[in-house]
Amino acid sequence: MKNFKIFSLFILAMIGLNSCETDDDVVFIAQEPGEFVLTNTILPEYVLTASTGSNLGERFTWNSADFGVPTNVSYDLQRSIMGDFSDAVLVGTTAGNEIAMTIGQMMDVATEVGLDANPETPEPNTGSFSVRIRAYVGDGGSTTELFSDVKTISVVLPEIIDVEDNVCEFDQLFAVGAGLPTAGWGWGSPVVFTCVGNGVYSGNVELTSDGDANFRFFSEASNWDSGRNFPYYENAGYTIDENLVNAGDGDNNFQFIGTSGFYSLQIDDVNKTITLGEPQASGTCEVDILYAVGAGLPTAGWGWASPVELLCSGDGIWSGNVQLQNNEGADNNFRFFTEATNWDSGRNYPFYVNEGYTIDSNLINAEDGDSNFAFVGTSGTYFLTINTVDKKITLEQL
């Protein structure tokens, strides 16, 4: 692997005002250096690939800045290639204590400095940049400010060994079974895994561990004789994800034993691996992921620690499983967002009504201060789809 350091790292001293007097003669006394710090754990390196660009790279957290008097504080996440922040770039702003940075945003930094995944070129494929938090009182131009410690983000662009056209044994692999709730044991809607690289098949899949969680791969749709069960891959020397085991049934199918939900499943015939990971966006949408938070979404709530994520699953279509709760008159509300942690990117009920959408009858205008969505159906898990082509928002209870 080529190695390169984008900047010479050095530790910045905390910069802040010891005191600042406002027009109202209120004196701000900033806390001592070392008390305002980034609190999240930084990984040794962050592997960046285009296919995971919408995934979370790192969620930066910090303790609150103290200016000596009760006051509203804003926080900027800044990044720097030089390391001294003379070239500081704003990543995001919040009044809270966390900001997320996606793999795609990290790749933007890699692009700025010319990192290259092609081993045949002289450009490096590894590097690093710095991040820090700026806390300030008032607007963004305020001089009443305080800076956190500096963290180094080391990034890697995996080298592309073969840049030729993708070549697989088949154009697609198929899978059916009760462990795949969108497919079942039939050929009406099999799960399809497409050749995405030399010998690599990949696709998003919903997996359940409830009841009969078995399934099998097939090289030909509708041809039961083309099946490839667990021993087929095991005997060929494949390393198989720990959440996939031999069902031990009559056909020795695969059995999923992990947490039910959506996954990206990859079969690599070159490295002989079958792996499960975070689902990946497919198709073309305005953004790869549409987020949702609110009390009507019990796994999310009104915060950004665990927002519901709806992936681009087709051209102009976001979809995914969501848990919805009806508190019978209490707060059943939620809202969609095009950017995580950015409240200004919200899309409420009137946004879609004004765009001419037909909206599921279990979703109504909450008529609260933000005109959020309110869920009025039966609490449970639903498959939610936002179709920007047909202009429909639909729910299917699972």
Protein backbone atom coordinates (compact mmCIF):
# COMPACT_ATOMS: atom_id res chain seq x y z
CA MET A 1 0.00 0.00 0.00
CA LYS A 2 1.22 3.47 -0.88
CA ASN A 3 1.68 5.71 2.12
CA PHE A 4 1.53 9.45 2.28
CA LYS A 5 0.91 12.05 5.00
CA ILE A 6 -1.22 14.98 3.87
CA PHE A 7 0.10 17.28 6.58
CA SER A 8 2.61 17.40 9.41
CA LEU A 9 0.55 16.85 12.53
CA PHE A 10 1.08 19.02 15.49
CA ILE A 11 -1.06 19.61 18.57
CA LEU A 12 -2.87 22.89 18.60
CA ALA A 13 -3.22 24.74 21.86
CA MET A 14 -6.77 25.53 22.82
CA ILE A 15 -7.77 28.91 21.47
CA GLY A 16 -10.39 30.88 23.33
CA LEU A 17 -11.12 34.15 24.94
CA ASN A 18 -10.19 34.43 28.56
CA SER A 19 -12.78 37.12 28.77
CA CYS A 20 -14.95 39.15 26.46
CA GLU A 21 -17.35 41.93 27.28
CA THR A 22 -20.61 42.30 25.37
CA ASP A 23 -22.49 45.49 24.70
CA ASP A 24 -24.61 44.61 27.74
CA ASP A 25 -21.51 44.48 29.94
CA VAL A 26 -21.88 40.71 30.42
CA VAL A 27 -18.45 39.15 30.92
CA PHE A 28 -17.81 35.70 29.40
CA ILE A 29 -15.01 33.71 31.04
CA ALA A 30 -14.08 30.71 28.91
CA GLN A 31 -13.27 27.40 30.58
CA GLU A 32 -9.66 26.31 30.92
CA PRO A 33 -7.95 24.46 28.03
CA GLY A 34 -8.50 20.71 28.22
CA GLU A 35 -12.07 20.99 29.50
CA PHE A 36 -13.73 21.35 26.06
CA VAL A 37 -12.79 18.21 24.12
CA LEU A 38 -14.01 15.76 21.49
CA THR A 39 -15.25 12.69 23.36
CA ASN A 40 -15.80 10.09 20.61
CA THR A 41 -13.22 7.38 19.92
CA ILE A 42 -11.29 7.86 16.67
CA LEU A 43 -10.58 4.72 14.62
CA PRO A 44 -6.99 3.94 13.55
CA GLU A 45 -8.11 4.39 9.93
CA TYR A 46 -11.27 4.94 7.90
CA VAL A 47 -11.66 2.88 4.72
CA LEU A 48 -13.40 4.91 2.00
CA THR A 49 -15.26 3.38 -0.93
CA ALA A 50 -17.75 4.96 -3.32
CA SER A 51 -20.31 2.20 -2.66
CA THR A 52 -20.46 3.17 1.03
CA GLY A 53 -20.45 6.95 0.49
CA SER A 54 -23.81 7.46 2.22
CA ASN A 55 -22.78 5.45 5.29
CA LEU A 56 -21.78 7.03 8.57
CA GLY A 57 -18.05 7.70 8.67
CA GLU A 58 -17.84 9.07 12.22
CA ARG A 59 -20.21 10.67 14.68
CA PHE A 60 -18.27 13.39 16.50
CA THR A 61 -19.35 14.18 20.07
CA TRP A 62 -18.05 16.63 22.65
CA ASN A 63 -18.73 18.01 26.11
CA SER A 64 -20.49 21.38 26.35
CA ALA A 65 -18.42 24.55 26.17
CA ASP A 66 -18.67 26.80 29.23
CA PHE A 67 -18.45 30.56 28.75
CA GLY A 68 -18.98 31.37 32.42
CA VAL A 69 -22.57 32.56 32.18
CA PRO A 70 -25.82 30.93 31.00
CA THR A 71 -26.01 31.50 27.25
CA ASN A 72 -26.96 29.77 24.01
CA VAL A 73 -23.91 28.16 22.38
CA SER A 74 -23.50 27.03 18.76
CA TYR A 75 -20.95 24.49 17.57
CA ASP A 76 -19.16 24.15 14.22
CA LEU A 77 -17.37 20.97 13.15
CA GLN A 78 -14.34 22.14 11.16
CA ARG A 79 -11.92 20.13 9.05
CA SER A 80 -8.44 21.05 7.89
CA ILE A 81 -6.04 19.51 5.40
CA MET A 82 -3.10 21.66 6.49
CA GLY A 83 -3.64 20.83 10.16
CA ASP A 84 -3.35 24.40 11.46
CA PHE A 85 -6.92 25.29 10.36
CA SER A 86 -5.73 28.18 8.24
CA ASP A 87 -7.73 26.30 5.58
CA ALA A 88 -10.65 25.43 7.89
CA VAL A 89 -13.79 24.15 6.12
CA LEU A 90 -17.16 23.96 7.86
CA VAL A 91 -18.62 20.43 7.97
CA GLY A 92 -21.76 21.22 9.97
CA THR A 93 -23.32 23.37 12.68
CA THR A 94 -25.51 22.40 15.64
CA ALA A 95 -26.72 23.62 19.00
CA GLY A 96 -26.32 20.07 20.33
CA ASN A 97 -23.30 17.94 21.11
CA GLU A 98 -22.87 15.75 18.05
CA ILE A 99 -22.38 16.04 14.29
CA ALA A 100 -22.07 13.14 11.84
CA MET A 101 -19.61 12.99 8.95
CA THR A 102 -20.34 10.50 6.16
CA ILE A 103 -17.89 8.38 4.20
CA GLY A 104 -18.77 10.53 1.20
CA GLN A 105 -17.75 13.71 3.02
CA MET A 106 -14.44 12.09 3.95
CA MET A 107 -13.97 11.09 0.31
CA ASP A 108 -14.47 14.74 -0.67
CA VAL A 109 -11.42 15.57 1.45
CA ALA A 110 -9.47 12.73 -0.18
CA THR A 111 -10.40 14.13 -3.60
CA GLU A 112 -9.25 17.64 -2.67
CA VAL A 113 -5.75 16.41 -1.91
CA GLY A 114 -5.51 14.03 -4.86
CA LEU A 115 -5.66 10.61 -3.23
CA ASP A 116 -5.94 7.86 -5.84
CA ALA A 117 -6.96 4.20 -5.52
CA ASN A 118 -5.20 3.18 -8.75
CA PRO A 119 -1.87 1.46 -7.88
CA GLU A 120 -0.50 2.31 -11.33
CA THR A 121 -0.48 6.05 -10.63
CA PRO A 122 2.00 7.95 -8.44
CA GLU A 123 -0.69 9.61 -6.31
CA PRO A 124 -1.01 8.22 -2.77
CA ASN A 125 -4.02 6.23 -1.56
CA THR A 126 -3.60 7.03 2.14
CA GLY A 127 -3.60 10.31 4.04
CA SER A 128 -5.11 12.20 6.95
CA PHE A 129 -6.84 15.41 7.92
CA SER A 130 -7.75 17.19 11.16
CA VAL A 131 -11.05 18.02 12.81
CA ARG A 132 -12.00 20.25 15.75
CA ILE A 133 -15.07 21.90 17.22
CA ARG A 134 -15.55 25.67 17.34
CA ALA A 135 -17.96 26.86 20.05
CA TYR A 136 -19.27 30.41 19.94
CA VAL A 137 -21.89 32.73 21.38
CA GLY A 138 -24.15 34.60 18.98
CA ASP A 139 -23.90 34.25 15.21
CA GLY A 140 -21.17 32.60 13.15
CA GLY A 141 -19.10 35.78 13.05
CA SER A 142 -18.83 36.00 16.83
CA THR A 143 -15.40 36.53 18.37
CA THR A 144 -16.60 35.02 21.64
CA GLU A 145 -15.37 31.57 20.75
CA LEU A 146 -13.63 28.50 22.07
CA PHE A 147 -11.92 25.63 20.23
CA SER A 148 -11.75 21.97 21.21
CA ASP A 149 -8.76 19.70 20.97
CA VAL A 150 -7.76 18.44 17.50
CA LYS A 151 -8.32 14.90 16.24
CA THR A 152 -6.56 13.24 13.31
CA ILE A 153 -8.62 11.27 10.78
CA SER A 154 -6.51 8.77 8.83
CA VAL A 155 -8.17 7.62 5.60
CA VAL A 156 -7.51 4.82 3.11
CA LEU A 157 -8.74 4.39 -0.45
CA PRO A 158 -8.50 0.62 -1.13
CA GLU A 159 -6.38 0.02 -4.20
CA ILE A 160 -8.29 -1.13 -7.27
CA ILE A 161 -6.34 -4.11 -8.54
CA ASP A 162 -8.41 -4.83 -11.63
CA VAL A 163 -10.03 -1.91 -13.40
CA GLU A 164 -11.44 -3.98 -16.30
CA ASP A 165 -15.12 -4.66 -16.85
CA ASN A 166 -16.85 -6.73 -14.18
CA VAL A 167 -16.77 -10.46 -14.93
CA CYS A 168 -18.84 -13.03 -12.99
CA GLU A 169 -19.91 -16.61 -13.65
CA PHE A 170 -23.48 -15.31 -13.97
CA ASP A 171 -24.94 -11.85 -14.43
CA GLN A 172 -27.10 -12.41 -11.35
CA LEU A 173 -27.66 -14.78 -8.46
CA PHE A 174 -31.10 -15.29 -6.93
CA ALA A 175 -32.34 -16.24 -3.47
CA VAL A 176 -35.67 -17.36 -2.07
CA GLY A 177 -36.82 -18.68 1.31
CA ALA A 178 -38.78 -17.85 4.43
CA GLY A 179 -35.74 -16.08 5.84
CA LEU A 180 -36.24 -13.52 3.06
CA PRO A 181 -39.71 -12.08 3.86
CA THR A 182 -39.98 -10.16 0.59
CA ALA A 183 -39.41 -13.40 -1.36
CA GLY A 184 -40.61 -16.46 0.58
CA TRP A 185 -40.45 -19.94 -0.92
CA GLY A 186 -41.57 -18.96 -4.39
CA TRP A 187 -40.43 -17.27 -7.58
CA GLY A 188 -42.85 -14.34 -7.64
CA SER A 189 -40.34 -11.89 -6.15
CA PRO A 190 -36.91 -13.48 -5.62
CA VAL A 191 -34.06 -11.46 -4.13
CA VAL A 192 -31.55 -10.57 -6.86
CA PHE A 193 -27.80 -10.18 -6.36
CA THR A 194 -26.09 -8.40 -9.26
CA CYS A 195 -22.52 -8.79 -10.50
CA VAL A 196 -20.87 -5.60 -9.20
CA GLY A 197 -17.19 -6.53 -9.55
CA ASN A 198 -14.98 -9.30 -10.78
CA GLY A 199 -16.52 -12.38 -9.19
CA VAL A 200 -18.55 -10.28 -6.74
CA TYR A 201 -22.34 -10.32 -6.37
CA SER A 202 -24.08 -7.83 -4.08
CA GLY A 203 -27.53 -6.59 -3.14
CA ASN A 204 -29.67 -5.23 -0.32
CA VAL A 205 -31.80 -7.84 1.38
CA GLU A 206 -34.31 -8.00 4.22
CA LEU A 207 -33.49 -10.91 6.55
CA THR A 208 -35.58 -12.29 9.40
CA SER A 209 -34.57 -14.66 12.17
CA ASP A 210 -38.17 -15.29 13.20
CA GLY A 211 -39.56 -18.80 12.69
CA ASP A 212 -38.30 -20.53 9.55
CA ALA A 213 -35.39 -18.22 8.72
CA ASN A 214 -34.01 -20.43 5.94
CA PHE A 215 -33.15 -19.60 2.34
CA ARG A 216 -31.01 -20.73 -0.57
CA PHE A 217 -29.13 -19.18 -3.50
CA PHE A 218 -29.81 -20.11 -7.12
CA SER A 219 -27.91 -19.48 -10.34
CA GLU A 220 -31.12 -19.53 -12.42
CA ALA A 221 -34.49 -18.04 -11.52
CA SER A 222 -37.32 -20.60 -11.31
CA ASN A 223 -34.85 -23.50 -11.55
CA TRP A 224 -34.81 -25.37 -8.23
CA ASP A 225 -32.03 -27.62 -9.53
CA SER A 226 -29.67 -24.64 -9.74
CA GLY A 227 -29.65 -24.21 -5.96
CA ARG A 228 -26.50 -23.49 -3.95
CA ASN A 229 -26.95 -24.33 -0.27
CA PHE A 230 -24.71 -23.86 2.76
CA PRO A 231 -22.51 -26.96 2.16
CA TYR A 232 -21.99 -25.90 -1.47
CA TYR A 233 -20.10 -22.80 -0.33
CA GLU A 234 -18.60 -24.40 2.79
CA ASN A 235 -17.07 -27.26 0.77
CA ALA A 236 -15.69 -24.73 -1.73
CA GLY A 237 -13.71 -23.09 1.09
CA TYR A 238 -15.79 -19.95 1.61
CA THR A 239 -15.64 -17.94 4.84
CA ILE A 240 -19.29 -17.30 5.71
CA ASP A 241 -20.66 -14.52 7.91
CA GLU A 242 -21.26 -15.68 11.49
CA ASN A 243 -24.93 -14.71 11.25
CA LEU A 244 -25.44 -17.27 8.49
CA VAL A 245 -25.35 -20.94 9.52
CA ASN A 246 -26.33 -24.35 8.16
CA ALA A 247 -30.05 -24.74 8.82
CA GLY A 248 -29.63 -28.50 9.15
CA ASP A 249 -32.93 -29.04 7.37
CA GLY A 250 -33.56 -31.45 4.54
CA ASP A 251 -31.85 -29.21 1.99
CA ASN A 252 -29.10 -27.83 4.27
CA ASN A 253 -30.22 -24.30 3.46
CA PHE A 254 -28.74 -21.13 4.90
CA GLN A 255 -30.30 -19.93 8.18
CA PHE A 256 -30.09 -16.32 9.37
CA ILE A 257 -29.55 -16.04 13.14
CA GLY A 258 -28.84 -12.30 13.48
CA THR A 259 -31.11 -9.33 14.19
CA SER A 260 -33.98 -9.06 11.72
CA GLY A 261 -33.61 -6.10 9.39
CA PHE A 262 -32.04 -4.83 6.17
CA TYR A 263 -28.51 -5.79 5.16
CA SER A 264 -26.13 -5.61 2.25
CA LEU A 265 -25.18 -9.18 1.32
CA GLN A 266 -22.08 -9.82 -0.76
CA ILE A 267 -20.84 -13.07 -2.32
CA ASP A 268 -17.19 -12.80 -3.39
CA ASP A 269 -16.16 -15.73 -5.59
CA VAL A 270 -12.57 -14.46 -5.81
CA ASN A 271 -11.79 -14.09 -2.11
CA LYS A 272 -14.35 -16.79 -1.26
CA THR A 273 -16.38 -14.88 1.30
CA ILE A 274 -20.07 -14.32 2.02
CA THR A 275 -20.53 -11.22 4.17
CA LEU A 276 -23.32 -9.10 5.64
CA GLY A 277 -23.01 -5.35 6.16
CA GLU A 278 -24.95 -2.11 6.29
CA PRO A 279 -27.43 -1.76 3.38
CA GLN A 280 -26.21 0.29 0.44
CA ALA A 281 -28.13 2.80 -1.64
CA SER A 282 -29.10 1.75 -5.17
CA GLY A 283 -30.80 3.61 -7.95
CA THR A 284 -30.74 7.39 -8.41
CA CYS A 285 -32.35 9.69 -5.84
CA GLU A 286 -31.97 13.29 -4.75
CA VAL A 287 -29.99 11.98 -1.74
CA ASP A 288 -28.88 8.41 -1.00
CA ILE A 289 -30.54 8.36 2.42
CA LEU A 290 -33.68 10.07 3.69
CA TYR A 291 -33.78 10.35 7.48
CA ALA A 292 -36.70 10.49 9.91
CA VAL A 293 -36.90 11.32 13.61
CA GLY A 294 -39.75 11.90 16.04
CA ALA A 295 -41.68 10.42 18.94
CA GLY A 296 -43.80 8.42 16.50
CA LEU A 297 -40.63 6.48 15.66
CA PRO A 298 -39.72 4.81 18.98
CA THR A 299 -36.28 3.68 17.80
CA ALA A 300 -35.39 7.28 16.92
CA GLY A 301 -37.25 9.81 19.06
CA TRP A 302 -36.64 13.53 18.70
CA GLY A 303 -32.86 13.33 18.35
CA TRP A 304 -30.07 12.32 16.01
CA ALA A 305 -28.46 9.46 17.92
CA SER A 306 -30.37 6.77 15.98
CA PRO A 307 -32.48 8.26 13.16
CA VAL A 308 -34.55 6.02 10.89
CA GLU A 309 -32.77 5.67 7.54
CA LEU A 310 -34.67 5.13 4.29
CA LEU A 311 -32.31 4.04 1.50
CA CYS A 312 -32.59 4.95 -2.15
CA SER A 313 -33.88 1.57 -3.36
CA GLY A 314 -34.74 2.54 -6.93
CA ASP A 315 -34.83 5.57 -9.18
CA GLY A 316 -36.67 8.22 -7.16
CA ILE A 317 -37.71 5.75 -4.44
CA TRP A 318 -36.75 5.64 -0.76
CA SER A 319 -37.89 2.68 1.33
CA GLY A 320 -37.22 0.71 4.50
CA ASN A 321 -38.65 -0.93 7.60
CA VAL A 322 -39.79 1.43 10.36
CA GLN A 323 -41.32 0.94 13.78
CA LEU A 324 -44.30 3.25 14.22
CA GLN A 325 -46.21 3.86 17.43
CA ASN A 326 -49.64 5.32 18.09
CA ASN A 327 -49.80 6.86 21.56
CA GLU A 328 -53.52 7.55 21.14
CA GLY A 329 -53.52 11.30 21.40
CA ALA A 330 -50.01 11.78 22.72
CA ASP A 331 -46.99 12.59 20.53
CA ASN A 332 -47.17 10.26 17.50
CA ASN A 333 -45.29 12.76 15.35
CA PHE A 334 -42.22 12.64 13.12
CA ARG A 335 -40.61 14.37 10.17
CA PHE A 336 -38.37 13.47 7.22
CA PHE A 337 -34.97 15.10 6.60
CA THR A 338 -32.59 15.13 3.65
CA GLU A 339 -29.54 15.66 5.90
CA ALA A 340 -28.79 14.00 9.23
CA THR A 341 -28.48 16.47 12.16
CA ASN A 342 -29.74 19.35 9.98
CA TRP A 343 -33.14 20.44 11.27
CA ASP A 344 -33.43 22.95 8.43
CA SER A 345 -33.56 20.08 5.90
CA GLY A 346 -36.92 18.86 7.25
CA ARG A 347 -39.85 17.89 5.05
CA ASN A 348 -43.16 17.92 6.89
CA TYR A 349 -46.67 16.83 5.92
CA PRO A 350 -47.58 20.00 3.95
CA PHE A 351 -44.34 19.71 1.94
CA TYR A 352 -45.58 16.48 0.37
CA VAL A 353 -49.23 17.62 0.12
CA ASN A 354 -48.14 20.73 -1.77
CA GLU A 355 -46.08 18.54 -4.12
CA GLY A 356 -49.20 16.54 -4.97
CA TYR A 357 -48.42 13.31 -3.09
CA THR A 358 -51.01 10.69 -2.20
CA ILE A 359 -50.26 9.83 1.44
CA ASP A 360 -51.21 6.66 3.32
CA SER A 361 -54.36 7.14 5.42
CA ASN A 362 -52.47 6.08 8.58
CA LEU A 363 -50.36 9.24 8.24
CA ILE A 364 -52.00 12.63 8.83
CA ASN A 365 -50.99 16.23 9.51
CA ALA A 366 -50.15 16.47 13.22
CA GLU A 367 -51.12 20.16 13.11
CA ASP A 368 -48.48 20.90 15.71
CA GLY A 369 -46.09 23.81 15.48
CA ASP A 370 -44.12 22.17 12.65
CA SER A 371 -47.01 20.43 10.85
CA ASN A 372 -45.23 17.09 11.27
CA PHE A 373 -46.55 13.71 10.22
CA ALA A 374 -48.66 11.91 12.85
CA PHE A 375 -49.13 8.14 12.79
CA VAL A 376 -52.72 7.10 13.60
CA GLY A 377 -52.60 3.41 12.71
CA THR A 378 -51.86 0.30 14.78
CA SER A 379 -48.44 0.38 16.42
CA GLY A 380 -46.02 -2.04 14.77
CA THR A 381 -43.39 -2.53 12.07
CA TYR A 382 -44.14 -1.23 8.58
CA PHE A 383 -42.42 -1.12 5.21
CA LEU A 384 -42.47 2.59 4.30
CA THR A 385 -42.00 3.79 0.73
CA ILE A 386 -41.67 7.33 -0.58
CA ASN A 387 -42.03 7.25 -4.35
CA THR A 388 -41.08 10.60 -5.90
CA VAL A 389 -41.96 9.37 -9.41
CA ASP A 390 -45.55 8.28 -8.71
CA LYS A 391 -45.76 10.78 -5.81
CA LYS A 392 -46.96 8.33 -3.20
CA ILE A 393 -46.12 7.63 0.45
CA THR A 394 -47.26 4.12 1.41
CA LEU A 395 -47.14 1.85 4.47
CA GLU A 396 -47.29 -1.95 4.46
CA GLN A 397 -47.57 -3.61 7.88
CA LEU A 398 -45.14 -6.50 8.33
